[in-house]
Amino acid sequence: MPRNARAPQMARLTTAVAAVVVAVLMVAPFLWMVSTALMGEFEVLQYPPPLLPASPRWANFREALTTLPFDRFFLNSAIVALVTVTSQLVCGAMGGYALARFRFPGARAVFAVYLGALMVPGIVLLIPRFLLVDALGAVDTMAGLVSAELVSVWGVFMMRQFFISLPRETEDAARIDGAGEFTIFTRIALPMAKPALATFALFAFIDAWKALLWPLVVTRSMSLRTVEVGIASFHGLYYANWPYQMAAAVTALLPVFAVFLATQKYFTRGIQLSGLR
């Protein structure tokens, strides 16, 4: 075989090997988490720690989810995710469309403020958020739990980038036919933005589902704890039950997988068409 014909095959083989290595590195922590979830409480403390459980303990999942009221934790996380995802989608779509299509005084300044807000770490806003929620008397309430994440600056930016990429011809034709801006937004722009909306919804759901710090700070009663706070409860200052913690963590990942599978088609297209590329 000529040397110039062998080069593309070597390049494809190298790419395939690199892809397999990256995939193994990405999946390895999850496999380790599943393996730990099936170990005994003291088996995981051996040195060196075993890669596989000597005798898988499937009862860890049942015991971990019944030691604490995880049914309530899952319900709270589902409520938080539903409210925040819905609110962020509405605000993100409307704000992104306004910044992409409307020309008004100060539009560039408003967009610059949004870009500046993206650079502020969320941890910096933790104390101001808590003081505001506390002043409103919403600490340890569901309203206080969801109020801090109703709008996503990143979501507005992402939707703006997507709406800019859409052609204006269809919207201009609708205006000539007498359609108003709200009709154009709901009947034309939003249907075309389904891939970006699905991508945004997936990221918003993951962010709401895995939130730990804000629910830990703003809630005090067990009945308002979320899944991530419940998982962290298995790990204390002087004691940690790693199998129970990992079993609860594996269970908490299942809704994320379900949402990803439901939005996978739109998610892939949204990554290609939005400003994330």
C-alpha atoms as a PDB file:
ATOM      1  CA  MET A   1       0.000   0.000   0.000  1.00  0.00           C
ATOM      2  CA  PRO A   2       1.410   3.434  -0.915  1.00  0.00           C
ATOM      3  CA  ARG A   3       2.569   5.585   1.966  1.00  0.00           C
ATOM      4  CA  ASN A   4       0.223   8.457   1.023  1.00  0.00           C
ATOM      5  CA  ALA A   5      -2.770   6.048   1.110  1.00  0.00           C
ATOM      6  CA  ARG A   6      -1.712   4.672   4.509  1.00  0.00           C
ATOM      7  CA  ALA A   7      -1.673   8.127   6.151  1.00  0.00           C
ATOM      8  CA  PRO A   8      -5.487   8.676   6.198  1.00  0.00           C
ATOM      9  CA  GLN A   9      -5.987   5.232   7.746  1.00  0.00           C
ATOM     10  CA  MET A  10      -3.455   5.990  10.478  1.00  0.00           C
ATOM     11  CA  ALA A  11      -5.151   9.315  11.127  1.00  0.00           C
ATOM     12  CA  ARG A  12      -8.564   7.640  11.467  1.00  0.00           C
ATOM     13  CA  LEU A  13      -7.100   4.944  13.735  1.00  0.00           C
ATOM     14  CA  THR A  14      -5.440   7.567  15.939  1.00  0.00           C
ATOM     15  CA  THR A  15      -8.691   9.516  16.152  1.00  0.00           C
ATOM     16  CA  ALA A  16     -10.634   6.376  17.065  1.00  0.00           C
ATOM     17  CA  VAL A  17      -8.136   5.407  19.783  1.00  0.00           C
ATOM     18  CA  ALA A  18      -8.182   8.929  21.200  1.00  0.00           C
ATOM     19  CA  ALA A  19     -12.008   8.910  21.215  1.00  0.00           C
ATOM     20  CA  VAL A  20     -12.066   5.579  23.067  1.00  0.00           C
ATOM     21  CA  VAL A  21      -9.572   6.843  25.656  1.00  0.00           C
ATOM     22  CA  VAL A  22     -11.589  10.011  26.255  1.00  0.00           C
ATOM     23  CA  ALA A  23     -14.816   7.989  26.511  1.00  0.00           C
ATOM     24  CA  VAL A  24     -13.256   5.650  29.088  1.00  0.00           C
ATOM     25  CA  LEU A  25     -12.002   8.602  31.123  1.00  0.00           C
ATOM     26  CA  MET A  26     -15.466  10.165  31.053  1.00  0.00           C
ATOM     27  CA  VAL A  27     -17.326   6.981  31.994  1.00  0.00           C
ATOM     28  CA  ALA A  28     -14.833   5.697  34.586  1.00  0.00           C
ATOM     29  CA  PRO A  29     -16.036   7.950  37.474  1.00  0.00           C
ATOM     30  CA  PHE A  30     -19.630   6.857  36.924  1.00  0.00           C
ATOM     31  CA  LEU A  31     -18.631   3.178  36.865  1.00  0.00           C
ATOM     32  CA  TRP A  32     -16.614   3.690  40.054  1.00  0.00           C
ATOM     33  CA  MET A  33     -19.671   5.318  41.648  1.00  0.00           C
ATOM     34  CA  VAL A  34     -21.873   2.331  40.720  1.00  0.00           C
ATOM     35  CA  SER A  35     -19.253  -0.103  42.011  1.00  0.00           C
ATOM     36  CA  THR A  36     -18.968   1.771  45.319  1.00  0.00           C
ATOM     37  CA  ALA A  37     -22.754   1.813  45.673  1.00  0.00           C
ATOM     38  CA  LEU A  38     -22.740  -2.000  45.666  1.00  0.00           C
ATOM     39  CA  MET A  39     -19.990  -2.413  48.282  1.00  0.00           C
ATOM     40  CA  GLY A  40     -20.290  -2.943  52.006  1.00  0.00           C
ATOM     41  CA  GLU A  41     -19.880  -0.013  54.377  1.00  0.00           C
ATOM     42  CA  PHE A  42     -16.353  -1.011  55.408  1.00  0.00           C
ATOM     43  CA  GLU A  43     -15.341  -2.734  52.177  1.00  0.00           C
ATOM     44  CA  VAL A  44     -14.828   0.613  50.476  1.00  0.00           C
ATOM     45  CA  LEU A  45     -12.365   1.642  53.228  1.00  0.00           C
ATOM     46  CA  GLN A  46      -9.895  -1.117  52.406  1.00  0.00           C
ATOM     47  CA  TYR A  47      -6.458  -0.189  51.095  1.00  0.00           C
ATOM     48  CA  PRO A  48      -6.074  -0.365  48.236  1.00  0.00           C
ATOM     49  CA  PRO A  49      -9.810  -0.027  47.584  1.00  0.00           C
ATOM     50  CA  PRO A  50     -11.258  -2.834  45.451  1.00  0.00           C
ATOM     51  CA  LEU A  51     -12.409  -2.057  41.942  1.00  0.00           C
ATOM     52  CA  LEU A  52     -15.423  -4.373  42.198  1.00  0.00           C
ATOM     53  CA  PRO A  53     -17.528  -5.407  45.195  1.00  0.00           C
ATOM     54  CA  ALA A  54     -16.816  -8.877  46.530  1.00  0.00           C
ATOM     55  CA  SER A  55     -20.551  -9.489  46.919  1.00  0.00           C
ATOM     56  CA  PRO A  56     -22.816  -6.836  45.350  1.00  0.00           C
ATOM     57  CA  ARG A  57     -25.274  -5.419  47.897  1.00  0.00           C
ATOM     58  CA  TRP A  58     -28.276  -4.269  45.863  1.00  0.00           C
ATOM     59  CA  ALA A  59     -30.062  -3.593  49.157  1.00  0.00           C
ATOM     60  CA  ASN A  60     -27.914  -0.467  49.502  1.00  0.00           C
ATOM     61  CA  PHE A  61     -30.220   1.359  47.106  1.00  0.00           C
ATOM     62  CA  ARG A  62     -33.361   0.515  49.083  1.00  0.00           C
ATOM     63  CA  GLU A  63     -31.744   1.215  52.438  1.00  0.00           C
ATOM     64  CA  ALA A  64     -30.190   4.494  51.307  1.00  0.00           C
ATOM     65  CA  LEU A  65     -33.477   5.811  49.921  1.00  0.00           C
ATOM     66  CA  THR A  66     -35.424   4.845  53.040  1.00  0.00           C
ATOM     67  CA  THR A  67     -32.932   6.007  55.662  1.00  0.00           C
ATOM     68  CA  LEU A  68     -33.901   9.575  54.793  1.00  0.00           C
ATOM     69  CA  PRO A  69     -37.198  10.779  53.218  1.00  0.00           C
ATOM     70  CA  PHE A  70     -35.856  10.732  49.670  1.00  0.00           C
ATOM     71  CA  ASP A  71     -39.359  10.561  48.232  1.00  0.00           C
ATOM     72  CA  ARG A  72     -39.897  14.081  49.586  1.00  0.00           C
ATOM     73  CA  PHE A  73     -36.434  15.159  48.421  1.00  0.00           C
ATOM     74  CA  PHE A  74     -37.170  13.987  44.870  1.00  0.00           C
ATOM     75  CA  LEU A  75     -40.522  15.782  44.904  1.00  0.00           C
ATOM     76  CA  ASN A  76     -38.900  19.026  46.068  1.00  0.00           C
ATOM     77  CA  SER A  77     -36.204  18.801  43.402  1.00  0.00           C
ATOM     78  CA  ALA A  78     -38.836  18.084  40.751  1.00  0.00           C
ATOM     79  CA  ILE A  79     -40.859  21.135  41.800  1.00  0.00           C
ATOM     80  CA  VAL A  80     -37.774  23.359  41.823  1.00  0.00           C
ATOM     81  CA  ALA A  81     -36.657  22.060  38.421  1.00  0.00           C
ATOM     82  CA  LEU A  82     -40.124  22.464  36.864  1.00  0.00           C
ATOM     83  CA  VAL A  83     -40.602  26.024  38.101  1.00  0.00           C
ATOM     84  CA  THR A  84     -37.098  27.241  37.314  1.00  0.00           C
ATOM     85  CA  VAL A  85     -36.890  25.603  33.877  1.00  0.00           C
ATOM     86  CA  THR A  86     -40.283  27.000  32.854  1.00  0.00           C
ATOM     87  CA  SER A  87     -39.448  30.482  34.098  1.00  0.00           C
ATOM     88  CA  GLN A  88     -35.982  30.497  32.552  1.00  0.00           C
ATOM     89  CA  LEU A  89     -37.321  29.314  29.198  1.00  0.00           C
ATOM     90  CA  VAL A  90     -39.960  32.054  29.092  1.00  0.00           C
ATOM     91  CA  CYS A  91     -37.609  34.820  30.229  1.00  0.00           C
ATOM     92  CA  GLY A  92     -34.709  33.566  28.135  1.00  0.00           C
ATOM     93  CA  ALA A  93     -36.741  33.266  24.932  1.00  0.00           C
ATOM     94  CA  MET A  94     -38.409  36.664  25.314  1.00  0.00           C
ATOM     95  CA  GLY A  95     -35.247  38.442  26.421  1.00  0.00           C
ATOM     96  CA  GLY A  96     -33.108  36.806  23.756  1.00  0.00           C
ATOM     97  CA  TYR A  97     -35.606  37.661  21.008  1.00  0.00           C
ATOM     98  CA  ALA A  98     -35.828  41.280  22.158  1.00  0.00           C
ATOM     99  CA  LEU A  99     -32.040  41.698  22.167  1.00  0.00           C
ATOM    100  CA  ALA A 100     -31.695  39.990  18.780  1.00  0.00           C
ATOM    101  CA  ARG A 101     -34.494  41.669  16.848  1.00  0.00           C
ATOM    102  CA  PHE A 102     -35.453  44.985  18.458  1.00  0.00           C
ATOM    103  CA  ARG A 103     -33.454  48.169  18.034  1.00  0.00           C
ATOM    104  CA  PHE A 104     -33.938  50.531  20.968  1.00  0.00           C
ATOM    105  CA  PRO A 105     -31.816  53.165  22.722  1.00  0.00           C
ATOM    106  CA  GLY A 106     -29.240  51.541  24.936  1.00  0.00           C
ATOM    107  CA  ALA A 107     -29.522  48.085  23.363  1.00  0.00           C
ATOM    108  CA  ARG A 108     -25.749  47.684  23.179  1.00  0.00           C
ATOM    109  CA  ALA A 109     -25.360  48.828  26.777  1.00  0.00           C
ATOM    110  CA  VAL A 110     -27.995  46.355  27.962  1.00  0.00           C
ATOM    111  CA  PHE A 111     -26.249  43.540  26.119  1.00  0.00           C
ATOM    112  CA  ALA A 112     -22.902  44.612  27.597  1.00  0.00           C
ATOM    113  CA  VAL A 113     -24.444  44.449  31.085  1.00  0.00           C
ATOM    114  CA  TYR A 114     -25.623  40.903  30.343  1.00  0.00           C
ATOM    115  CA  LEU A 115     -22.148  39.902  29.218  1.00  0.00           C
ATOM    116  CA  GLY A 116     -20.702  41.455  32.362  1.00  0.00           C
ATOM    117  CA  ALA A 117     -23.176  39.540  34.531  1.00  0.00           C
ATOM    118  CA  LEU A 118     -21.924  36.283  33.008  1.00  0.00           C
ATOM    119  CA  MET A 119     -18.513  36.983  34.514  1.00  0.00           C
ATOM    120  CA  VAL A 120     -19.812  37.254  38.090  1.00  0.00           C
ATOM    121  CA  PRO A 121     -19.361  33.954  39.996  1.00  0.00           C
ATOM    122  CA  GLY A 122     -22.557  32.635  41.530  1.00  0.00           C
ATOM    123  CA  ILE A 123     -20.897  32.264  44.938  1.00  0.00           C
ATOM    124  CA  VAL A 124     -20.476  36.054  45.102  1.00  0.00           C
ATOM    125  CA  LEU A 125     -24.253  36.499  44.927  1.00  0.00           C
ATOM    126  CA  LEU A 126     -25.023  33.946  47.637  1.00  0.00           C
ATOM    127  CA  ILE A 127     -25.071  36.340  50.606  1.00  0.00           C
ATOM    128  CA  PRO A 128     -26.982  39.164  48.817  1.00  0.00           C
ATOM    129  CA  ARG A 129     -29.562  36.619  47.637  1.00  0.00           C
ATOM    130  CA  PHE A 130     -30.004  35.233  51.127  1.00  0.00           C
ATOM    131  CA  LEU A 131     -30.338  38.689  52.701  1.00  0.00           C
ATOM    132  CA  LEU A 132     -32.961  39.631  50.129  1.00  0.00           C
ATOM    133  CA  VAL A 133     -34.933  36.417  50.605  1.00  0.00           C
ATOM    134  CA  ASP A 134     -34.643  36.763  54.381  1.00  0.00           C
ATOM    135  CA  ALA A 135     -35.953  40.348  54.221  1.00  0.00           C
ATOM    136  CA  LEU A 136     -38.963  39.077  52.295  1.00  0.00           C
ATOM    137  CA  GLY A 137     -39.579  36.390  54.901  1.00  0.00           C
ATOM    138  CA  ALA A 138     -39.107  33.587  52.394  1.00  0.00           C
ATOM    139  CA  VAL A 139     -36.330  31.633  54.133  1.00  0.00           C
ATOM    140  CA  ASP A 140     -37.234  27.958  54.520  1.00  0.00           C
ATOM    141  CA  THR A 141     -40.082  28.220  52.021  1.00  0.00           C
ATOM    142  CA  MET A 142     -40.556  26.823  48.534  1.00  0.00           C
ATOM    143  CA  ALA A 143     -40.864  30.361  47.171  1.00  0.00           C
ATOM    144  CA  GLY A 144     -37.470  31.264  48.580  1.00  0.00           C
ATOM    145  CA  LEU A 145     -36.004  28.042  47.227  1.00  0.00           C
ATOM    146  CA  VAL A 146     -37.008  28.774  43.620  1.00  0.00           C
ATOM    147  CA  SER A 147     -36.919  32.580  43.582  1.00  0.00           C
ATOM    148  CA  ALA A 148     -33.161  32.918  43.088  1.00  0.00           C
ATOM    149  CA  GLU A 149     -33.085  30.987  39.778  1.00  0.00           C
ATOM    150  CA  LEU A 150     -36.107  32.272  37.873  1.00  0.00           C
ATOM    151  CA  VAL A 151     -33.998  34.083  35.254  1.00  0.00           C
ATOM    152  CA  SER A 152     -30.821  32.819  33.607  1.00  0.00           C
ATOM    153  CA  VAL A 153     -28.476  35.431  32.157  1.00  0.00           C
ATOM    154  CA  TRP A 154     -26.665  32.696  30.254  1.00  0.00           C
ATOM    155  CA  GLY A 155     -30.012  31.546  28.830  1.00  0.00           C
ATOM    156  CA  VAL A 156     -30.849  35.034  27.541  1.00  0.00           C
ATOM    157  CA  PHE A 157     -27.435  35.241  25.903  1.00  0.00           C
ATOM    158  CA  MET A 158     -27.765  31.807  24.340  1.00  0.00           C
ATOM    159  CA  MET A 159     -31.228  32.493  22.922  1.00  0.00           C
ATOM    160  CA  ARG A 160     -30.065  35.842  21.557  1.00  0.00           C
ATOM    161  CA  GLN A 161     -27.249  34.137  19.687  1.00  0.00           C
ATOM    162  CA  PHE A 162     -29.687  31.619  18.233  1.00  0.00           C
ATOM    163  CA  PHE A 163     -32.300  34.181  17.148  1.00  0.00           C
ATOM    164  CA  ILE A 164     -29.576  36.218  15.429  1.00  0.00           C
ATOM    165  CA  SER A 165     -28.712  33.168  13.316  1.00  0.00           C
ATOM    166  CA  LEU A 166     -32.308  32.803  12.073  1.00  0.00           C
ATOM    167  CA  PRO A 167     -33.194  34.403   8.707  1.00  0.00           C
ATOM    168  CA  ARG A 168     -35.427  37.487   8.856  1.00  0.00           C
ATOM    169  CA  GLU A 169     -37.285  36.802   5.603  1.00  0.00           C
ATOM    170  CA  THR A 170     -40.068  34.749   7.214  1.00  0.00           C
ATOM    171  CA  GLU A 171     -40.615  37.359   9.912  1.00  0.00           C
ATOM    172  CA  ASP A 172     -40.641  40.203   7.369  1.00  0.00           C
ATOM    173  CA  ALA A 173     -43.202  38.327   5.278  1.00  0.00           C
ATOM    174  CA  ALA A 174     -45.405  37.922   8.345  1.00  0.00           C
ATOM    175  CA  ARG A 175     -45.168  41.658   9.078  1.00  0.00           C
ATOM    176  CA  ILE A 176     -46.232  42.457   5.521  1.00  0.00           C
ATOM    177  CA  ASP A 177     -49.274  40.222   6.069  1.00  0.00           C
ATOM    178  CA  GLY A 178     -50.166  42.263   9.149  1.00  0.00           C
ATOM    179  CA  ALA A 179     -48.884  40.022  11.927  1.00  0.00           C
ATOM    180  CA  GLY A 180     -47.892  41.730  15.165  1.00  0.00           C
ATOM    181  CA  GLU A 181     -44.606  41.251  16.986  1.00  0.00           C
ATOM    182  CA  PHE A 182     -46.095  38.910  19.582  1.00  0.00           C
ATOM    183  CA  THR A 183     -47.662  36.765  16.873  1.00  0.00           C
ATOM    184  CA  ILE A 184     -44.359  36.626  14.993  1.00  0.00           C
ATOM    185  CA  PHE A 185     -42.573  35.650  18.185  1.00  0.00           C
ATOM    186  CA  THR A 186     -45.000  32.885  19.188  1.00  0.00           C
ATOM    187  CA  ARG A 187     -45.967  31.548  15.741  1.00  0.00           C
ATOM    188  CA  ILE A 188     -42.691  31.866  13.810  1.00  0.00           C
ATOM    189  CA  ALA A 189     -39.647  32.487  15.996  1.00  0.00           C
ATOM    190  CA  LEU A 190     -40.408  30.033  18.800  1.00  0.00           C
ATOM    191  CA  PRO A 191     -41.180  27.032  16.544  1.00  0.00           C
ATOM    192  CA  MET A 192     -37.916  27.637  14.705  1.00  0.00           C
ATOM    193  CA  ALA A 193     -36.082  27.859  18.028  1.00  0.00           C
ATOM    194  CA  LYS A 194     -37.066  24.386  19.282  1.00  0.00           C
ATOM    195  CA  PRO A 195     -33.476  23.034  19.116  1.00  0.00           C
ATOM    196  CA  ALA A 196     -32.118  25.941  21.146  1.00  0.00           C
ATOM    197  CA  LEU A 197     -35.001  25.762  23.615  1.00  0.00           C
ATOM    198  CA  ALA A 198     -34.422  22.035  24.141  1.00  0.00           C
ATOM    199  CA  THR A 199     -30.704  22.627  24.700  1.00  0.00           C
ATOM    200  CA  PHE A 200     -31.444  25.437  27.123  1.00  0.00           C
ATOM    201  CA  ALA A 201     -34.080  23.347  28.933  1.00  0.00           C
ATOM    202  CA  LEU A 202     -31.644  20.461  29.383  1.00  0.00           C
ATOM    203  CA  PHE A 203     -28.913  22.661  30.849  1.00  0.00           C
ATOM    204  CA  ALA A 204     -31.424  24.499  33.053  1.00  0.00           C
ATOM    205  CA  PHE A 205     -32.834  21.199  34.344  1.00  0.00           C
ATOM    206  CA  ILE A 206     -29.381  19.815  35.155  1.00  0.00           C
ATOM    207  CA  ASP A 207     -28.417  23.051  36.901  1.00  0.00           C
ATOM    208  CA  ALA A 208     -31.625  23.056  38.979  1.00  0.00           C
ATOM    209  CA  TRP A 209     -31.474  19.337  39.767  1.00  0.00           C
ATOM    210  CA  LYS A 210     -27.853  19.342  40.962  1.00  0.00           C
ATOM    211  CA  ALA A 211     -28.083  22.586  42.965  1.00  0.00           C
ATOM    212  CA  LEU A 212     -26.611  22.092  46.433  1.00  0.00           C
ATOM    213  CA  LEU A 213     -25.343  25.331  47.955  1.00  0.00           C
ATOM    214  CA  TRP A 214     -28.458  27.504  47.627  1.00  0.00           C
ATOM    215  CA  PRO A 215     -30.927  24.840  48.878  1.00  0.00           C
ATOM    216  CA  LEU A 216     -28.546  24.093  51.745  1.00  0.00           C
ATOM    217  CA  VAL A 217     -28.413  27.768  52.770  1.00  0.00           C
ATOM    218  CA  VAL A 218     -32.037  28.822  52.282  1.00  0.00           C
ATOM    219  CA  THR A 219     -33.789  25.754  53.743  1.00  0.00           C
ATOM    220  CA  ARG A 220     -33.756  24.520  57.319  1.00  0.00           C
ATOM    221  CA  SER A 221     -36.521  21.954  57.625  1.00  0.00           C
ATOM    222  CA  MET A 222     -36.154  18.400  56.367  1.00  0.00           C
ATOM    223  CA  SER A 223     -39.395  18.669  54.383  1.00  0.00           C
ATOM    224  CA  LEU A 224     -37.853  21.272  52.026  1.00  0.00           C
ATOM    225  CA  ARG A 225     -34.528  19.575  51.380  1.00  0.00           C
ATOM    226  CA  THR A 226     -33.642  18.644  47.799  1.00  0.00           C
ATOM    227  CA  VAL A 227     -31.988  15.502  46.478  1.00  0.00           C
ATOM    228  CA  GLU A 228     -28.457  16.888  46.469  1.00  0.00           C
ATOM    229  CA  VAL A 229     -28.763  18.084  50.069  1.00  0.00           C
ATOM    230  CA  GLY A 230     -30.101  14.666  51.043  1.00  0.00           C
ATOM    231  CA  ILE A 231     -27.152  12.943  49.383  1.00  0.00           C
ATOM    232  CA  ALA A 232     -24.725  15.223  51.220  1.00  0.00           C
ATOM    233  CA  SER A 233     -26.366  14.214  54.507  1.00  0.00           C
ATOM    234  CA  PHE A 234     -24.665  10.817  54.278  1.00  0.00           C
ATOM    235  CA  HIS A 235     -21.294  12.536  54.649  1.00  0.00           C
ATOM    236  CA  GLY A 236     -20.599  14.193  57.997  1.00  0.00           C
ATOM    237  CA  LEU A 237     -17.548  15.591  59.737  1.00  0.00           C
ATOM    238  CA  TYR A 238     -16.577  12.349  61.495  1.00  0.00           C
ATOM    239  CA  TYR A 239     -18.553   9.751  59.593  1.00  0.00           C
ATOM    240  CA  ALA A 240     -19.334   8.949  55.982  1.00  0.00           C
ATOM    241  CA  ASN A 241     -21.361   6.098  54.519  1.00  0.00           C
ATOM    242  CA  TRP A 242     -19.952   6.004  51.017  1.00  0.00           C
ATOM    243  CA  PRO A 243     -22.063   3.113  49.642  1.00  0.00           C
ATOM    244  CA  TYR A 244     -25.317   4.801  50.706  1.00  0.00           C
ATOM    245  CA  GLN A 245     -24.156   8.131  49.339  1.00  0.00           C
ATOM    246  CA  MET A 246     -23.175   6.637  45.997  1.00  0.00           C
ATOM    247  CA  ALA A 247     -26.386   4.608  45.779  1.00  0.00           C
ATOM    248  CA  ALA A 248     -28.450   7.765  46.284  1.00  0.00           C
ATOM    249  CA  ALA A 249     -26.269   9.632  43.757  1.00  0.00           C
ATOM    250  CA  VAL A 250     -26.775   6.936  41.100  1.00  0.00           C
ATOM    251  CA  THR A 251     -30.540   7.106  41.629  1.00  0.00           C
ATOM    252  CA  ALA A 252     -30.463  10.900  41.399  1.00  0.00           C
ATOM    253  CA  LEU A 253     -28.830  10.664  37.960  1.00  0.00           C
ATOM    254  CA  LEU A 254     -31.718   8.711  36.431  1.00  0.00           C
ATOM    255  CA  PRO A 255     -34.011  11.747  35.864  1.00  0.00           C
ATOM    256  CA  VAL A 256     -31.137  13.563  34.156  1.00  0.00           C
ATOM    257  CA  PHE A 257     -30.611  10.623  31.786  1.00  0.00           C
ATOM    258  CA  ALA A 258     -34.343  10.499  31.060  1.00  0.00           C
ATOM    259  CA  VAL A 259     -34.506  14.214  30.230  1.00  0.00           C
ATOM    260  CA  PHE A 260     -31.401  13.968  28.053  1.00  0.00           C
ATOM    261  CA  LEU A 261     -32.804  11.037  26.071  1.00  0.00           C
ATOM    262  CA  ALA A 262     -36.080  12.917  25.569  1.00  0.00           C
ATOM    263  CA  THR A 263     -34.301  16.017  24.213  1.00  0.00           C
ATOM    264  CA  GLN A 264     -31.310  14.388  22.525  1.00  0.00           C
ATOM    265  CA  LYS A 265     -32.446  15.090  18.957  1.00  0.00           C
ATOM    266  CA  TYR A 266     -33.056  18.777  19.588  1.00  0.00           C
ATOM    267  CA  PHE A 267     -30.026  19.045  21.870  1.00  0.00           C
ATOM    268  CA  THR A 268     -27.607  17.959  19.126  1.00  0.00           C
ATOM    269  CA  ARG A 269     -29.086  20.377  16.616  1.00  0.00           C
ATOM    270  CA  GLY A 270     -29.147  23.171  19.195  1.00  0.00           C
ATOM    271  CA  ILE A 271     -25.442  22.752  19.888  1.00  0.00           C
ATOM    272  CA  GLN A 272     -24.769  23.029  16.147  1.00  0.00           C
ATOM    273  CA  LEU A 273     -26.911  26.092  15.536  1.00  0.00           C
ATOM    274  CA  SER A 274     -26.604  28.158  18.716  1.00  0.00           C
ATOM    275  CA  GLY A 275     -23.779  30.354  19.885  1.00  0.00           C
ATOM    276  CA  LEU A 276     -22.207  27.405  21.755  1.00  0.00           C
ATOM    277  CA  ARG A 277     -20.396  26.206  18.660  1.00  0.00           C
END
